[in-house]
Amino acid sequence: PRFAFNKTMSNYIWPELGEKLRNPIVFQTVTAGQSAGSGPKANGYEATILIDVCKAILKASAERKLTKSQANVATQASIIVSASAKAGIQGLVEVARRFCG
């Protein structure tokens, strides 16, 4: 959230995404060897938020709004989106193979 709401990125975070980032899912962690729910609380997010944040970063990058120090974040966002697309296609093919198979 700190990166997403900085001066530059706040212009690229749409309202629904901003709401999700401001309201993380609080969960109880599990520590090996201890009873369930005995660990400290932590914040999490829906998995799809990662792709949404990456898309916002890539849009800011395409519009040349990122600083030089943020350029590596755009590279990382591109890698995540590309890897996710590849994994998604592989999953789709696997499902199709099971049903058509």
Protein backbone atom coordinates (compact mmCIF):
# COMPACT_ATOMS: atom_id res chain seq x y z
CA PRO A 1 0.00 0.00 0.00
CA ARG A 2 2.77 2.48 0.74
CA PHE A 3 4.06 2.21 -2.84
CA ALA A 4 0.57 2.15 -4.35
CA PHE A 5 -0.44 5.37 -2.64
CA ASN A 6 2.72 7.38 -3.27
CA LYS A 7 2.48 10.65 -5.20
CA THR A 8 2.92 9.04 -8.63
CA MET A 9 1.07 5.76 -8.24
CA SER A 10 -2.00 7.17 -6.51
CA ASN A 11 -3.09 8.48 -9.93
CA TYR A 12 -3.11 4.93 -11.31
CA ILE A 13 -4.91 3.11 -8.49
CA TRP A 14 -8.62 2.93 -9.31
CA PRO A 15 -11.15 3.22 -6.46
CA GLU A 16 -11.99 -0.49 -6.09
CA LEU A 17 -8.32 -1.46 -5.98
CA GLY A 18 -7.58 1.32 -3.52
CA GLU A 19 -10.35 0.08 -1.25
CA LYS A 20 -8.95 -3.46 -1.28
CA LEU A 21 -5.45 -2.18 -0.53
CA ARG A 22 -6.70 -0.07 2.36
CA ASN A 23 -8.60 -3.01 3.87
CA PRO A 24 -6.35 -6.07 3.98
CA ILE A 25 -7.59 -9.47 5.03
CA VAL A 26 -6.38 -10.03 8.61
CA PHE A 27 -5.53 -13.63 9.39
CA GLN A 28 -3.93 -15.63 12.16
CA THR A 29 -0.63 -17.22 11.18
CA VAL A 30 0.33 -20.78 12.01
CA THR A 31 3.65 -21.57 13.61
CA ALA A 32 5.11 -25.06 13.17
CA GLY A 33 4.65 -27.17 16.26
CA GLN A 34 1.99 -24.94 17.79
CA SER A 35 -1.77 -25.09 17.76
CA ALA A 36 -3.68 -23.50 14.90
CA GLY A 37 -4.24 -19.78 15.34
CA SER A 38 -1.50 -19.40 17.93
CA GLY A 39 0.81 -17.30 15.75
CA PRO A 40 0.74 -13.56 15.27
CA LYS A 41 -1.84 -11.83 13.10
CA ALA A 42 -0.84 -10.79 9.59
CA ASN A 43 -2.33 -8.87 6.69
CA GLY A 44 -3.05 -10.44 3.33
CA TYR A 45 -4.79 -9.62 0.08
CA GLU A 46 -6.77 -11.42 -2.60
CA ALA A 47 -4.29 -12.99 -5.02
CA THR A 48 -5.67 -11.06 -8.00
CA ILE A 49 -4.67 -7.74 -6.43
CA LEU A 50 -1.06 -8.46 -7.37
CA ILE A 51 -1.92 -8.40 -11.07
CA ASP A 52 -4.03 -5.26 -10.67
CA VAL A 53 -1.18 -3.44 -8.94
CA CYS A 54 1.23 -4.63 -11.63
CA LYS A 55 -1.09 -3.31 -14.34
CA ALA A 56 -1.23 0.07 -12.61
CA ILE A 57 2.57 0.14 -12.40
CA LEU A 58 2.91 -0.77 -16.07
CA LYS A 59 0.46 1.96 -17.08
CA ALA A 60 2.42 4.54 -15.08
CA SER A 61 5.61 3.27 -16.70
CA ALA A 62 4.12 3.45 -20.20
CA GLU A 63 3.15 7.05 -19.53
CA ARG A 64 6.71 7.72 -18.27
CA LYS A 65 5.51 8.76 -14.82
CA LEU A 66 7.80 6.56 -12.75
CA THR A 67 11.02 7.91 -11.32
CA LYS A 68 14.37 6.36 -12.19
CA SER A 69 14.41 4.63 -8.82
CA GLN A 70 11.01 3.07 -9.60
CA ALA A 71 12.04 1.71 -13.02
CA ASN A 72 13.05 -1.66 -11.54
CA VAL A 73 9.55 -2.02 -10.07
CA ALA A 74 8.11 -1.75 -13.59
CA THR A 75 10.48 -4.47 -14.76
CA GLN A 76 9.38 -6.72 -11.92
CA ALA A 77 5.71 -5.97 -12.64
CA SER A 78 6.22 -6.96 -16.27
CA ILE A 79 7.83 -10.25 -15.23
CA ILE A 80 4.95 -11.03 -12.84
CA VAL A 81 2.26 -10.28 -15.44
CA SER A 82 4.06 -12.33 -18.11
CA ALA A 83 4.59 -15.28 -15.78
CA SER A 84 0.98 -15.14 -14.63
CA ALA A 85 -0.26 -15.12 -18.21
CA LYS A 86 1.90 -18.13 -19.02
CA ALA A 87 0.68 -20.00 -15.93
CA GLY A 88 -2.91 -19.09 -16.77
CA ILE A 89 -2.63 -20.48 -20.29
CA GLN A 90 -1.00 -23.65 -18.96
CA GLY A 91 -3.85 -24.05 -16.47
CA LEU A 92 -6.44 -23.48 -19.17
CA VAL A 93 -4.86 -26.10 -21.42
CA GLU A 94 -4.76 -28.57 -18.52
CA VAL A 95 -8.46 -28.06 -17.79
CA ALA A 96 -9.31 -28.43 -21.48
CA ARG A 97 -7.24 -31.61 -21.64
CA ARG A 98 -9.17 -33.09 -18.71
CA PHE A 99 -12.56 -32.32 -20.21
CA CYS A 100 -11.77 -33.00 -23.85
CA GLY A 101 -9.37 -35.62 -23.38
